[in-house]
C-alpha atoms as a PDB file:
ATOM      1  CA  UNK A   1     -43.302 123.994 -22.964  1.00  0.00           C
ATOM      2  CA  UNK A   2     -39.819 122.671 -22.295  1.00  0.00           C
ATOM      3  CA  UNK A   3     -40.667 119.054 -23.211  1.00  0.00           C
ATOM      4  CA  UNK A   4     -38.244 117.662 -25.777  1.00  0.00           C
ATOM      5  CA  UNK A   5     -38.156 114.041 -26.909  1.00  0.00           C
ATOM      6  CA  UNK A   6     -35.460 111.882 -28.381  1.00  0.00           C
ATOM      7  CA  UNK A   7     -35.343 110.993 -32.085  1.00  0.00           C
ATOM      8  CA  UNK A   8     -38.150 108.755 -33.302  1.00  0.00           C
ATOM      9  CA  UNK A   9     -41.611 108.368 -31.877  1.00  0.00           C
ATOM     10  CA  UNK A  10     -44.771 110.207 -32.746  1.00  0.00           C
ATOM     11  CA  UNK A  11     -45.818 113.825 -32.359  1.00  0.00           C
ATOM     12  CA  UNK A  12     -49.599 114.213 -32.070  1.00  0.00           C
ATOM     13  CA  UNK A  13     -50.938 117.733 -32.582  1.00  0.00           C
ATOM     14  CA  UNK A  14     -54.492 118.269 -31.415  1.00  0.00           C
ATOM     15  CA  UNK A  15     -56.191 116.296 -28.645  1.00  0.00           C
ATOM     16  CA  UNK A  16     -59.684 116.075 -30.041  1.00  0.00           C
ATOM     17  CA  UNK A  17     -61.258 112.628 -30.378  1.00  0.00           C
ATOM     18  CA  UNK A  18     -59.129 111.743 -33.410  1.00  0.00           C
ATOM     19  CA  UNK A  19     -55.778 112.920 -32.047  1.00  0.00           C
ATOM     20  CA  UNK A  20     -56.388 111.596 -28.543  1.00  0.00           C
ATOM     21  CA  UNK A  21     -57.325 108.141 -29.845  1.00  0.00           C
ATOM     22  CA  UNK A  22     -54.157 108.010 -31.943  1.00  0.00           C
ATOM     23  CA  UNK A  23     -51.920 109.227 -29.112  1.00  0.00           C
ATOM     24  CA  UNK A  24     -53.292 106.744 -26.592  1.00  0.00           C
ATOM     25  CA  UNK A  25     -53.178 103.839 -29.040  1.00  0.00           C
ATOM     26  CA  UNK A  26     -49.585 104.634 -30.036  1.00  0.00           C
ATOM     27  CA  UNK A  27     -48.568 104.605 -26.381  1.00  0.00           C
ATOM     28  CA  UNK A  28     -50.356 101.290 -25.852  1.00  0.00           C
ATOM     29  CA  UNK A  29     -48.318  99.929 -28.776  1.00  0.00           C
ATOM     30  CA  UNK A  30     -45.100 101.053 -27.106  1.00  0.00           C
ATOM     31  CA  UNK A  31     -44.403 104.115 -29.246  1.00  0.00           C
ATOM     32  CA  UNK A  32     -42.863 107.166 -27.594  1.00  0.00           C
ATOM     33  CA  UNK A  33     -45.471 109.945 -27.975  1.00  0.00           C
ATOM     34  CA  UNK A  34     -45.519 113.671 -27.361  1.00  0.00           C
ATOM     35  CA  UNK A  35     -49.008 115.179 -27.587  1.00  0.00           C
ATOM     36  CA  UNK A  36     -49.678 118.885 -27.799  1.00  0.00           C
ATOM     37  CA  UNK A  37     -52.729 121.134 -27.777  1.00  0.00           C
ATOM     38  CA  UNK A  38     -53.448 124.804 -27.211  1.00  0.00           C
ATOM     39  CA  UNK A  39     -56.339 124.109 -24.822  1.00  0.00           C
ATOM     40  CA  UNK A  40     -55.197 123.906 -21.174  1.00  0.00           C
ATOM     41  CA  UNK A  41     -58.204 121.841 -20.089  1.00  0.00           C
ATOM     42  CA  UNK A  42     -57.351 119.085 -22.607  1.00  0.00           C
ATOM     43  CA  UNK A  43     -53.664 119.173 -21.708  1.00  0.00           C
ATOM     44  CA  UNK A  44     -54.604 118.749 -18.062  1.00  0.00           C
ATOM     45  CA  UNK A  45     -57.100 115.969 -18.834  1.00  0.00           C
ATOM     46  CA  UNK A  46     -54.676 113.887 -20.871  1.00  0.00           C
ATOM     47  CA  UNK A  47     -51.634 114.472 -18.683  1.00  0.00           C
ATOM     48  CA  UNK A  48     -53.042 111.670 -16.545  1.00  0.00           C
ATOM     49  CA  UNK A  49     -53.354 109.300 -19.516  1.00  0.00           C
ATOM     50  CA  UNK A  50     -50.344 110.127 -21.689  1.00  0.00           C
ATOM     51  CA  UNK A  51     -46.694 110.235 -20.628  1.00  0.00           C
ATOM     52  CA  UNK A  52     -45.801 113.476 -22.407  1.00  0.00           C
ATOM     53  CA  UNK A  53     -48.341 116.262 -23.010  1.00  0.00           C
ATOM     54  CA  UNK A  54     -47.558 119.949 -23.545  1.00  0.00           C
ATOM     55  CA  UNK A  55     -49.597 123.087 -24.075  1.00  0.00           C
ATOM     56  CA  UNK A  56     -48.238 124.738 -27.194  1.00  0.00           C
ATOM     57  CA  UNK A  57     -49.399 126.305 -30.450  1.00  0.00           C
ATOM     58  CA  UNK A  58     -48.133 124.341 -33.446  1.00  0.00           C
ATOM     59  CA  UNK A  59     -49.114 127.145 -35.826  1.00  0.00           C
ATOM     60  CA  UNK A  60     -46.029 128.843 -34.371  1.00  0.00           C
ATOM     61  CA  UNK A  61     -42.906 127.404 -36.014  1.00  0.00           C
ATOM     62  CA  UNK A  62     -40.777 128.400 -33.018  1.00  0.00           C
ATOM     63  CA  UNK A  63     -42.978 126.276 -30.726  1.00  0.00           C
ATOM     64  CA  UNK A  64     -42.434 123.224 -32.929  1.00  0.00           C
ATOM     65  CA  UNK A  65     -38.708 123.836 -32.984  1.00  0.00           C
ATOM     66  CA  UNK A  66     -38.573 124.155 -29.181  1.00  0.00           C
ATOM     67  CA  UNK A  67     -40.158 120.734 -28.670  1.00  0.00           C
ATOM     68  CA  UNK A  68     -37.851 119.154 -31.254  1.00  0.00           C
ATOM     69  CA  UNK A  69     -40.572 118.346 -33.788  1.00  0.00           C
ATOM     70  CA  UNK A  70     -37.956 117.736 -36.477  1.00  0.00           C
ATOM     71  CA  UNK A  71     -36.646 114.720 -34.568  1.00  0.00           C
ATOM     72  CA  UNK A  72     -39.891 112.731 -34.595  1.00  0.00           C
ATOM     73  CA  UNK A  73     -40.419 109.886 -37.040  1.00  0.00           C
ATOM     74  CA  UNK A  74     -44.067 110.806 -37.576  1.00  0.00           C
ATOM     75  CA  UNK A  75     -46.273 113.801 -36.899  1.00  0.00           C
ATOM     76  CA  UNK A  76     -50.055 113.519 -36.804  1.00  0.00           C
ATOM     77  CA  UNK A  77     -52.004 116.723 -37.400  1.00  0.00           C
ATOM     78  CA  UNK A  78     -55.322 116.006 -35.732  1.00  0.00           C
ATOM     79  CA  UNK A  79     -56.611 119.584 -35.878  1.00  0.00           C
ATOM     80  CA  UNK A  80     -59.818 119.575 -37.892  1.00  0.00           C
ATOM     81  CA  UNK A  81     -62.106 122.347 -36.693  1.00  0.00           C
ATOM     82  CA  UNK A  82     -59.898 125.084 -38.147  1.00  0.00           C
ATOM     83  CA  UNK A  83     -58.746 124.449 -41.703  1.00  0.00           C
ATOM     84  CA  UNK A  84     -56.464 127.467 -41.493  1.00  0.00           C
ATOM     85  CA  UNK A  85     -54.699 126.102 -38.405  1.00  0.00           C
ATOM     86  CA  UNK A  86     -54.453 122.630 -39.951  1.00  0.00           C
ATOM     87  CA  UNK A  87     -52.837 123.999 -43.104  1.00  0.00           C
ATOM     88  CA  UNK A  88     -50.438 126.266 -41.214  1.00  0.00           C
ATOM     89  CA  UNK A  89     -49.344 123.468 -38.857  1.00  0.00           C
ATOM     90  CA  UNK A  90     -48.773 121.126 -41.793  1.00  0.00           C
ATOM     91  CA  UNK A  91     -46.790 123.806 -43.625  1.00  0.00           C
ATOM     92  CA  UNK A  92     -44.621 124.330 -40.546  1.00  0.00           C
ATOM     93  CA  UNK A  93     -43.888 120.597 -40.336  1.00  0.00           C
ATOM     94  CA  UNK A  94     -43.016 120.541 -44.034  1.00  0.00           C
ATOM     95  CA  UNK A  95     -40.604 123.435 -43.479  1.00  0.00           C
ATOM     96  CA  UNK A  96     -38.913 121.468 -40.694  1.00  0.00           C
ATOM     97  CA  UNK A  97     -38.261 118.649 -43.182  1.00  0.00           C
ATOM     98  CA  UNK A  98     -38.338 116.035 -40.446  1.00  0.00           C
ATOM     99  CA  UNK A  99     -41.215 113.685 -39.659  1.00  0.00           C
ATOM    100  CA  UNK A 100     -43.548 111.847 -41.979  1.00  0.00           C
ATOM    101  CA  UNK A 101     -46.731 113.916 -41.839  1.00  0.00           C
ATOM    102  CA  UNK A 102     -50.178 112.398 -41.368  1.00  0.00           C
ATOM    103  CA  UNK A 103     -52.875 115.073 -41.577  1.00  0.00           C
ATOM    104  CA  UNK A 104     -56.594 114.864 -40.888  1.00  0.00           C
ATOM    105  CA  UNK A 105     -58.892 116.416 -43.502  1.00  0.00           C
ATOM    106  CA  UNK A 106     -62.552 117.297 -43.102  1.00  0.00           C
ATOM    107  CA  UNK A 107     -63.307 117.729 -46.823  1.00  0.00           C
ATOM    108  CA  UNK A 108     -61.886 116.818 -50.216  1.00  0.00           C
ATOM    109  CA  UNK A 109     -60.814 120.432 -50.778  1.00  0.00           C
ATOM    110  CA  UNK A 110     -59.048 120.494 -47.413  1.00  0.00           C
ATOM    111  CA  UNK A 111     -57.328 117.218 -48.286  1.00  0.00           C
ATOM    112  CA  UNK A 112     -56.099 118.567 -51.642  1.00  0.00           C
ATOM    113  CA  UNK A 113     -54.564 121.588 -49.940  1.00  0.00           C
ATOM    114  CA  UNK A 114     -52.800 119.393 -47.393  1.00  0.00           C
ATOM    115  CA  UNK A 115     -51.407 117.169 -50.149  1.00  0.00           C
ATOM    116  CA  UNK A 116     -50.202 120.128 -52.217  1.00  0.00           C
ATOM    117  CA  UNK A 117     -48.304 121.728 -49.348  1.00  0.00           C
ATOM    118  CA  UNK A 118     -46.513 118.465 -48.621  1.00  0.00           C
ATOM    119  CA  UNK A 119     -48.449 116.195 -46.248  1.00  0.00           C
ATOM    120  CA  UNK A 120     -47.298 112.620 -46.899  1.00  0.00           C
ATOM    121  CA  UNK A 121     -50.620 111.047 -45.884  1.00  0.00           C
ATOM    122  CA  UNK A 122     -54.066 112.630 -45.742  1.00  0.00           C
ATOM    123  CA  UNK A 123     -56.815 110.817 -43.852  1.00  0.00           C
ATOM    124  CA  UNK A 124     -60.565 111.358 -43.862  1.00  0.00           C
ATOM    125  CA  UNK A 125     -61.638 109.676 -40.613  1.00  0.00           C
ATOM    126  CA  UNK A 126     -65.379 110.346 -40.882  1.00  0.00           C
ATOM    127  CA  UNK A 127     -65.587 109.321 -44.533  1.00  0.00           C
ATOM    128  CA  UNK A 128     -63.429 106.219 -43.995  1.00  0.00           C
ATOM    129  CA  UNK A 129     -65.430 105.163 -40.948  1.00  0.00           C
ATOM    130  CA  UNK A 130     -68.684 105.640 -42.842  1.00  0.00           C
ATOM    131  CA  UNK A 131     -67.518 103.521 -45.768  1.00  0.00           C
ATOM    132  CA  UNK A 132     -66.276 100.789 -43.435  1.00  0.00           C
ATOM    133  CA  UNK A 133     -69.554 100.631 -41.515  1.00  0.00           C
ATOM    134  CA  UNK A 134     -71.519 100.511 -44.775  1.00  0.00           C
ATOM    135  CA  UNK A 135     -69.533  97.456 -45.850  1.00  0.00           C
ATOM    136  CA  UNK A 136     -70.112  95.778 -42.488  1.00  0.00           C
ATOM    137  CA  UNK A 137     -73.830  96.504 -42.459  1.00  0.00           C
ATOM    138  CA  UNK A 138     -74.346  95.385 -46.038  1.00  0.00           C
ATOM    139  CA  UNK A 139     -73.732  91.622 -46.026  1.00  0.00           C
ATOM    140  CA  UNK A 140     -71.866  89.021 -43.994  1.00  0.00           C
ATOM    141  CA  UNK A 141     -68.634  90.973 -43.497  1.00  0.00           C
ATOM    142  CA  UNK A 142     -67.409  91.103 -39.889  1.00  0.00           C
ATOM    143  CA  UNK A 143     -64.394  93.334 -40.411  1.00  0.00           C
ATOM    144  CA  UNK A 144     -63.140  95.340 -43.378  1.00  0.00           C
ATOM    145  CA  UNK A 145     -59.862  97.099 -44.163  1.00  0.00           C
ATOM    146  CA  UNK A 146     -59.420  98.928 -47.476  1.00  0.00           C
ATOM    147  CA  UNK A 147     -56.018  99.837 -48.884  1.00  0.00           C
ATOM    148  CA  UNK A 148     -55.039 101.920 -51.916  1.00  0.00           C
ATOM    149  CA  UNK A 149     -56.662 101.353 -55.308  1.00  0.00           C
ATOM    150  CA  UNK A 150     -59.707  99.607 -53.841  1.00  0.00           C
ATOM    151  CA  UNK A 151     -57.839  96.550 -52.537  1.00  0.00           C
ATOM    152  CA  UNK A 152     -59.293  95.201 -49.300  1.00  0.00           C
ATOM    153  CA  UNK A 153     -58.881  92.455 -46.718  1.00  0.00           C
ATOM    154  CA  UNK A 154     -61.993  91.281 -44.888  1.00  0.00           C
ATOM    155  CA  UNK A 155     -63.093  88.864 -42.201  1.00  0.00           C
ATOM    156  CA  UNK A 156     -66.333  87.211 -43.225  1.00  0.00           C
ATOM    157  CA  UNK A 157     -68.661  84.247 -42.862  1.00  0.00           C
ATOM    158  CA  UNK A 158     -68.586  81.819 -45.792  1.00  0.00           C
ATOM    159  CA  UNK A 159     -71.331  81.732 -48.429  1.00  0.00           C
ATOM    160  CA  UNK A 160     -73.327  78.500 -48.297  1.00  0.00           C
ATOM    161  CA  UNK A 161     -72.127  77.367 -51.719  1.00  0.00           C
ATOM    162  CA  UNK A 162     -68.507  76.930 -50.547  1.00  0.00           C
ATOM    163  CA  UNK A 163     -69.323  75.154 -47.248  1.00  0.00           C
ATOM    164  CA  UNK A 164     -68.194  71.535 -47.182  1.00  0.00           C
ATOM    165  CA  UNK A 165     -65.804  71.931 -50.093  1.00  0.00           C
ATOM    166  CA  UNK A 166     -62.054  72.412 -50.259  1.00  0.00           C
ATOM    167  CA  UNK A 167     -60.725  75.620 -51.789  1.00  0.00           C
ATOM    168  CA  UNK A 168     -59.521  73.605 -54.758  1.00  0.00           C
ATOM    169  CA  UNK A 169     -63.028  72.213 -55.298  1.00  0.00           C
ATOM    170  CA  UNK A 170     -64.900  75.497 -54.882  1.00  0.00           C
ATOM    171  CA  UNK A 171     -62.296  77.389 -56.968  1.00  0.00           C
ATOM    172  CA  UNK A 172     -63.179  80.709 -55.365  1.00  0.00           C
ATOM    173  CA  UNK A 173     -60.296  82.634 -56.933  1.00  0.00           C
ATOM    174  CA  UNK A 174     -61.281  81.677 -60.482  1.00  0.00           C
ATOM    175  CA  UNK A 175     -65.009  82.191 -59.925  1.00  0.00           C
ATOM    176  CA  UNK A 176     -64.963  85.409 -57.925  1.00  0.00           C
ATOM    177  CA  UNK A 177     -61.474  86.889 -58.309  1.00  0.00           C
ATOM    178  CA  UNK A 178     -60.794  86.913 -54.569  1.00  0.00           C
ATOM    179  CA  UNK A 179     -58.323  84.941 -52.469  1.00  0.00           C
ATOM    180  CA  UNK A 180     -59.051  83.116 -49.212  1.00  0.00           C
ATOM    181  CA  UNK A 181     -55.939  83.885 -47.171  1.00  0.00           C
ATOM    182  CA  UNK A 182     -56.824  82.014 -43.995  1.00  0.00           C
ATOM    183  CA  UNK A 183     -59.503  80.258 -41.999  1.00  0.00           C
ATOM    184  CA  UNK A 184     -60.451  80.488 -38.314  1.00  0.00           C
ATOM    185  CA  UNK A 185     -62.509  77.562 -37.061  1.00  0.00           C
ATOM    186  CA  UNK A 186     -64.322  77.765 -33.685  1.00  0.00           C
ATOM    187  CA  UNK A 187     -62.015  76.695 -30.862  1.00  0.00           C
ATOM    188  CA  UNK A 188     -58.997  76.378 -33.162  1.00  0.00           C
ATOM    189  CA  UNK A 189     -56.093  78.646 -34.100  1.00  0.00           C
ATOM    190  CA  UNK A 190     -56.024  80.654 -37.298  1.00  0.00           C
ATOM    191  CA  UNK A 191     -54.524  78.691 -40.203  1.00  0.00           C
ATOM    192  CA  UNK A 192     -53.306  79.862 -43.583  1.00  0.00           C
ATOM    193  CA  UNK A 193     -55.434  78.502 -46.385  1.00  0.00           C
ATOM    194  CA  UNK A 194     -54.203  75.832 -48.799  1.00  0.00           C
ATOM    195  CA  UNK A 195     -55.971  74.186 -51.768  1.00  0.00           C
ATOM    196  CA  UNK A 196     -56.943  71.293 -49.469  1.00  0.00           C
ATOM    197  CA  UNK A 197     -58.520  73.525 -46.804  1.00  0.00           C
ATOM    198  CA  UNK A 198     -62.168  72.553 -46.341  1.00  0.00           C
ATOM    199  CA  UNK A 199     -64.541  75.332 -45.277  1.00  0.00           C
ATOM    200  CA  UNK A 200     -67.070  74.578 -42.555  1.00  0.00           C
ATOM    201  CA  UNK A 201     -70.332  76.408 -41.863  1.00  0.00           C
ATOM    202  CA  UNK A 202     -69.131  78.219 -38.732  1.00  0.00           C
ATOM    203  CA  UNK A 203     -65.650  79.104 -39.999  1.00  0.00           C
ATOM    204  CA  UNK A 204     -64.496  82.682 -40.407  1.00  0.00           C
ATOM    205  CA  UNK A 205     -62.609  83.470 -43.604  1.00  0.00           C
ATOM    206  CA  UNK A 206     -59.887  86.048 -44.202  1.00  0.00           C
ATOM    207  CA  UNK A 207     -60.366  87.120 -47.814  1.00  0.00           C
ATOM    208  CA  UNK A 208     -58.385  89.569 -49.951  1.00  0.00           C
ATOM    209  CA  UNK A 209     -59.125  91.176 -53.286  1.00  0.00           C
ATOM    210  CA  UNK A 210     -60.657  94.192 -54.974  1.00  0.00           C
ATOM    211  CA  UNK A 211     -63.493  95.621 -52.877  1.00  0.00           C
ATOM    212  CA  UNK A 212     -66.192  95.226 -55.539  1.00  0.00           C
ATOM    213  CA  UNK A 213     -65.261  91.559 -56.049  1.00  0.00           C
ATOM    214  CA  UNK A 214     -65.249  90.952 -52.301  1.00  0.00           C
ATOM    215  CA  UNK A 215     -68.660  92.613 -52.094  1.00  0.00           C
ATOM    216  CA  UNK A 216     -69.994  90.296 -54.794  1.00  0.00           C
ATOM    217  CA  UNK A 217     -68.553  87.212 -53.085  1.00  0.00           C
ATOM    218  CA  UNK A 218     -69.805  88.240 -49.628  1.00  0.00           C
ATOM    219  CA  UNK A 219     -73.335  88.748 -50.921  1.00  0.00           C
ATOM    220  CA  UNK A 220     -73.634  85.215 -52.248  1.00  0.00           C
ATOM    221  CA  UNK A 221     -76.370  83.214 -50.443  1.00  0.00           C
END
Protein backbone atom coordinates (compact mmCIF):
# COMPACT_ATOMS: atom_id res chain seq x y z
CA UNK A 1 0.00 0.00 0.00
CA UNK A 2 2.97 2.29 -0.52
CA UNK A 3 1.60 3.86 -3.73
CA UNK A 4 1.60 7.65 -3.53
CA UNK A 5 0.77 9.96 -6.43
CA UNK A 6 1.68 13.51 -7.22
CA UNK A 7 -0.77 16.40 -6.79
CA UNK A 8 -3.74 16.37 -9.15
CA UNK A 9 -5.33 13.42 -10.86
CA UNK A 10 -8.18 11.25 -9.72
CA UNK A 11 -8.56 8.84 -6.83
CA UNK A 12 -11.13 6.12 -7.54
CA UNK A 13 -12.34 4.15 -4.52
CA UNK A 14 -14.15 0.94 -5.33
CA UNK A 15 -13.59 -1.14 -8.47
CA UNK A 16 -17.11 -2.32 -9.12
CA UNK A 17 -18.61 -1.65 -12.55
CA UNK A 18 -19.13 2.05 -11.81
CA UNK A 19 -15.70 2.76 -10.32
CA UNK A 20 -13.82 0.62 -12.83
CA UNK A 21 -15.51 2.33 -15.79
CA UNK A 22 -14.61 5.75 -14.40
CA UNK A 23 -11.01 4.78 -13.64
CA UNK A 24 -10.39 3.29 -17.08
CA UNK A 25 -12.07 6.18 -18.89
CA UNK A 26 -10.07 8.76 -16.91
CA UNK A 27 -6.85 7.00 -17.87
CA UNK A 28 -7.92 6.90 -21.52
CA UNK A 29 -8.45 10.67 -21.28
CA UNK A 30 -4.92 11.12 -19.97
CA UNK A 31 -5.75 11.70 -16.31
CA UNK A 32 -3.39 10.31 -13.67
CA UNK A 33 -5.47 7.77 -11.70
CA UNK A 34 -4.96 5.79 -8.52
CA UNK A 35 -7.63 3.13 -7.98
CA UNK A 36 -8.14 1.31 -4.71
CA UNK A 37 -10.29 -1.55 -3.46
CA UNK A 38 -10.31 -3.89 -0.50
CA UNK A 39 -10.84 -6.99 -2.65
CA UNK A 40 -7.54 -8.60 -3.73
CA UNK A 41 -9.08 -10.34 -6.74
CA UNK A 42 -10.25 -7.01 -8.21
CA UNK A 43 -6.93 -5.32 -7.47
CA UNK A 44 -5.17 -8.14 -9.29
CA UNK A 45 -7.62 -8.04 -12.21
CA UNK A 46 -7.29 -4.32 -12.81
CA UNK A 47 -3.55 -4.10 -12.21
CA UNK A 48 -3.24 -5.23 -15.82
CA UNK A 49 -5.56 -2.48 -17.08
CA UNK A 50 -4.79 0.50 -14.84
CA UNK A 51 -1.39 2.04 -14.15
CA UNK A 52 -1.82 2.43 -10.39
CA UNK A 53 -4.00 0.08 -8.32
CA UNK A 54 -3.66 -0.61 -4.59
CA UNK A 55 -5.41 -2.84 -2.09
CA UNK A 56 -6.47 -0.61 0.78
CA UNK A 57 -9.47 0.16 2.97
CA UNK A 58 -10.64 3.74 2.49
CA UNK A 59 -12.87 3.53 5.57
CA UNK A 60 -9.56 3.80 7.43
CA UNK A 61 -8.43 7.44 7.47
CA UNK A 62 -4.80 6.39 7.94
CA UNK A 63 -4.94 4.38 4.69
CA UNK A 64 -6.13 7.44 2.78
CA UNK A 65 -3.41 9.55 4.32
CA UNK A 66 -0.73 7.00 3.40
CA UNK A 67 -1.66 7.09 -0.29
CA UNK A 68 -1.77 10.89 -0.29
CA UNK A 69 -5.52 11.19 -0.89
CA UNK A 70 -5.43 14.86 0.10
CA UNK A 71 -3.28 15.67 -2.92
CA UNK A 72 -5.76 14.48 -5.56
CA UNK A 73 -7.90 16.94 -7.48
CA UNK A 74 -10.91 14.63 -7.42
CA UNK A 75 -11.97 11.56 -5.48
CA UNK A 76 -14.70 9.24 -6.75
CA UNK A 77 -16.42 7.08 -4.14
CA UNK A 78 -17.76 4.20 -6.20
CA UNK A 79 -18.68 2.00 -3.23
CA UNK A 80 -22.40 1.33 -3.41
CA UNK A 81 -23.18 -2.05 -1.87
CA UNK A 82 -22.44 -0.84 1.67
CA UNK A 83 -24.02 2.49 2.55
CA UNK A 84 -22.10 2.53 5.81
CA UNK A 85 -18.76 2.17 4.02
CA UNK A 86 -19.75 4.78 1.43
CA UNK A 87 -20.64 7.30 4.12
CA UNK A 88 -17.52 6.62 6.18
CA UNK A 89 -15.22 6.91 3.15
CA UNK A 90 -16.87 10.18 2.13
CA UNK A 91 -16.56 11.52 5.68
CA UNK A 92 -12.86 10.63 5.71
CA UNK A 93 -12.31 12.50 2.43
CA UNK A 94 -14.17 15.51 3.82
CA UNK A 95 -11.93 15.45 6.89
CA UNK A 96 -8.86 15.49 4.63
CA UNK A 97 -10.17 18.71 3.05
CA UNK A 98 -8.46 17.94 -0.24
CA UNK A 99 -10.12 16.60 -3.38
CA UNK A 100 -13.47 17.43 -4.90
CA UNK A 101 -15.65 14.48 -3.88
CA UNK A 102 -17.91 12.64 -6.31
CA UNK A 103 -19.95 9.98 -4.50
CA UNK A 104 -22.22 7.28 -5.88
CA UNK A 105 -25.63 6.92 -4.21
CA UNK A 106 -28.02 3.99 -4.48
CA UNK A 107 -31.08 5.80 -3.07
CA UNK A 108 -32.36 9.30 -2.42
CA UNK A 109 -31.83 8.84 1.32
CA UNK A 110 -28.25 7.71 0.74
CA UNK A 111 -27.69 10.72 -1.51
CA UNK A 112 -29.01 13.14 1.13
CA UNK A 113 -26.63 11.73 3.72
CA UNK A 114 -23.68 12.07 1.34
CA UNK A 115 -24.60 15.68 0.58
CA UNK A 116 -25.01 16.57 4.26
CA UNK A 117 -21.62 15.21 5.27
CA UNK A 118 -19.92 17.20 2.52
CA UNK A 119 -19.82 15.37 -0.81
CA UNK A 120 -19.53 18.00 -3.55
CA UNK A 121 -21.34 15.90 -6.17
CA UNK A 122 -23.73 12.99 -5.67
CA UNK A 123 -24.53 10.77 -8.65
CA UNK A 124 -27.27 8.20 -9.12
CA UNK A 125 -25.92 6.09 -11.99
CA UNK A 126 -28.83 3.64 -12.26
CA UNK A 127 -31.49 6.34 -12.05
CA UNK A 128 -29.65 8.63 -14.49
CA UNK A 129 -29.09 5.80 -16.96
CA UNK A 130 -32.75 4.81 -16.75
CA UNK A 131 -33.95 8.35 -17.42
CA UNK A 132 -31.55 8.73 -20.34
CA UNK A 133 -32.66 5.47 -21.96
CA UNK A 134 -36.32 6.44 -21.51
CA UNK A 135 -35.69 9.66 -23.43
CA UNK A 136 -33.90 7.78 -26.20
CA UNK A 137 -36.59 5.13 -26.51
CA UNK A 138 -39.43 7.63 -26.49
CA UNK A 139 -39.10 9.57 -29.76
CA UNK A 140 -36.44 10.48 -32.30
CA UNK A 141 -33.66 11.36 -29.86
CA UNK A 142 -30.31 9.70 -30.60
CA UNK A 143 -28.37 11.01 -27.62
CA UNK A 144 -29.39 12.92 -24.51
CA UNK A 145 -27.45 14.76 -21.80
CA UNK A 146 -29.31 16.46 -18.94
CA UNK A 147 -27.73 19.15 -16.78
CA UNK A 148 -28.99 20.90 -13.64
CA UNK A 149 -32.50 22.35 -13.47
CA UNK A 150 -33.80 20.20 -16.32
CA UNK A 151 -31.65 21.78 -19.05
CA UNK A 152 -30.58 19.29 -21.71
CA UNK A 153 -28.62 18.99 -24.94
CA UNK A 154 -29.71 16.32 -27.41
CA UNK A 155 -28.78 14.86 -30.77
CA UNK A 156 -31.92 14.19 -32.77
CA UNK A 157 -33.48 13.72 -36.19
CA UNK A 158 -35.50 16.71 -37.42
CA UNK A 159 -39.30 16.76 -37.34
CA UNK A 160 -40.79 16.76 -40.84
CA UNK A 161 -42.27 20.24 -40.44
CA UNK A 162 -38.83 21.92 -40.29
CA UNK A 163 -37.25 19.97 -43.19
CA UNK A 164 -36.50 22.13 -46.21
CA UNK A 165 -36.70 25.39 -44.29
CA UNK A 166 -34.04 27.65 -42.83
CA UNK A 167 -33.99 28.16 -39.07
CA UNK A 168 -35.18 31.71 -39.62
CA UNK A 169 -38.18 30.44 -41.61
CA UNK A 170 -39.16 27.63 -39.24
CA UNK A 171 -38.59 29.86 -36.17
CA UNK A 172 -38.04 26.87 -33.90
CA UNK A 173 -36.92 28.91 -30.90
CA UNK A 174 -40.08 31.03 -30.86
CA UNK A 175 -42.42 28.11 -31.54
CA UNK A 176 -40.92 25.49 -29.26
CA UNK A 177 -38.57 27.31 -26.88
CA UNK A 178 -35.53 25.26 -27.91
CA UNK A 179 -32.36 26.25 -29.75
CA UNK A 180 -30.76 24.40 -32.66
CA UNK A 181 -27.06 24.69 -31.82
CA UNK A 182 -25.63 22.81 -34.79
CA UNK A 183 -26.30 20.54 -37.73
CA UNK A 184 -24.50 17.42 -38.97
CA UNK A 185 -25.26 16.52 -42.57
CA UNK A 186 -24.30 13.08 -43.96
CA UNK A 187 -20.73 13.10 -45.26
CA UNK A 188 -20.08 16.64 -44.01
CA UNK A 189 -18.50 18.14 -40.90
CA UNK A 190 -20.55 19.46 -38.01
CA UNK A 191 -21.48 23.13 -38.46
CA UNK A 192 -22.83 25.64 -35.97
CA UNK A 193 -26.34 26.72 -36.84
CA UNK A 194 -27.16 30.19 -38.17
CA UNK A 195 -30.53 31.72 -39.15
CA UNK A 196 -29.79 30.80 -42.78
CA UNK A 197 -29.07 27.12 -42.03
CA UNK A 198 -31.47 24.93 -44.01
CA UNK A 199 -32.40 21.59 -42.44
CA UNK A 200 -32.44 18.53 -44.67
CA UNK A 201 -34.31 15.26 -44.07
CA UNK A 202 -31.24 13.20 -43.14
CA UNK A 203 -29.51 15.85 -41.02
CA UNK A 204 -28.81 15.36 -37.34
CA UNK A 205 -29.56 18.32 -35.09
CA UNK A 206 -27.88 19.36 -31.85
CA UNK A 207 -30.64 20.99 -29.81
CA UNK A 208 -30.54 22.63 -26.38
CA UNK A 209 -33.29 23.70 -24.02
CA UNK A 210 -35.46 22.60 -21.12
CA UNK A 211 -36.07 18.84 -21.24
CA UNK A 212 -39.87 19.07 -21.43
CA UNK A 213 -39.66 21.51 -24.35
CA UNK A 214 -37.13 19.30 -26.13
CA UNK A 215 -39.44 16.34 -25.56
CA UNK A 216 -42.33 18.24 -27.13
CA UNK A 217 -40.22 19.30 -30.12
CA UNK A 218 -38.77 15.81 -30.64
CA UNK A 219 -42.22 14.24 -30.67
CA UNK A 220 -43.46 16.39 -33.52
CA UNK A 221 -44.32 14.31 -36.64
